[in-house]
């Protein structure tokens, strides 16, 4: 990157407190940059398989990946196979799917393994939720390794509320101890409990990271923000209550923040 380009990134109108936090973060020796995908790197779309990171966001991620002692992880509610497809990033990006249930770390054999009882519970859950999805217009079911996501983005407000109410009632009547998460136009059910916060803690230990940058947009990202420590930086993308220390309007601005972090990190201010 030439000096004029770098200066343009750094001097763009980010809030001064955020700029200061990014400068401090860039100085740590081992940095983990953990990112939600949908609504954070990629704009929300009606068809999840069509989601792609903004070119500016992808470029910033690649810059961060090229730096020493800097690791990037995607932490998503998507199933791992879906995350791999839409992310289209190099293999050295760490991946966390299904809110922390699935992992793809440096060992490609780190994957989810459900036991027999859990597999039986998934079968029951599929039967119950499929009936709900089939009976209400524009509601569809996405299979995940430890459960399912009931999508209502394309449904009317009335049908969306109805689908959520019926799915909750029927699933809880059939199965105890389900993990249920409500997101943007989606209701997720899982037979194994984990959170994005637990995923962040696992990644921090795995990498021996000195600090973490985390960006996310949804309710489930609040668990990750809650897991951050005083020297970390949390960035909320979009509206809604949040525990994050900073907020930007959406993915365009997230890309800008990541580019600024890369610019600061590319300097010689951190211990390499």
Foldseek 3Di string as FASTA:
>chain_A
DDPVVLCCLLPPDDDPVLSVLLLLQLAAQAEEEEEEFDFAQWDDDPDLLPTAGDPLLLVLQVLQVVFPNYAYEYFYLAAPVSCCNRHVHDLQHWYAYNQRQATCHVPNPRGHDDDPVQVVLQVVLCVQLVVLQVVFPQWDWDDHPFHIKIACPPPDPVSLVVSVVSSVVRSCVVDPPWDWDDKDRIIITGPDDDANLVVLVVVCVVSVGPEYEYEDEIPRCQSNLVNHDPSYAYEYADDDDHSGPYYDPTNVVSSSSSNSSSSSNPDPNYDD
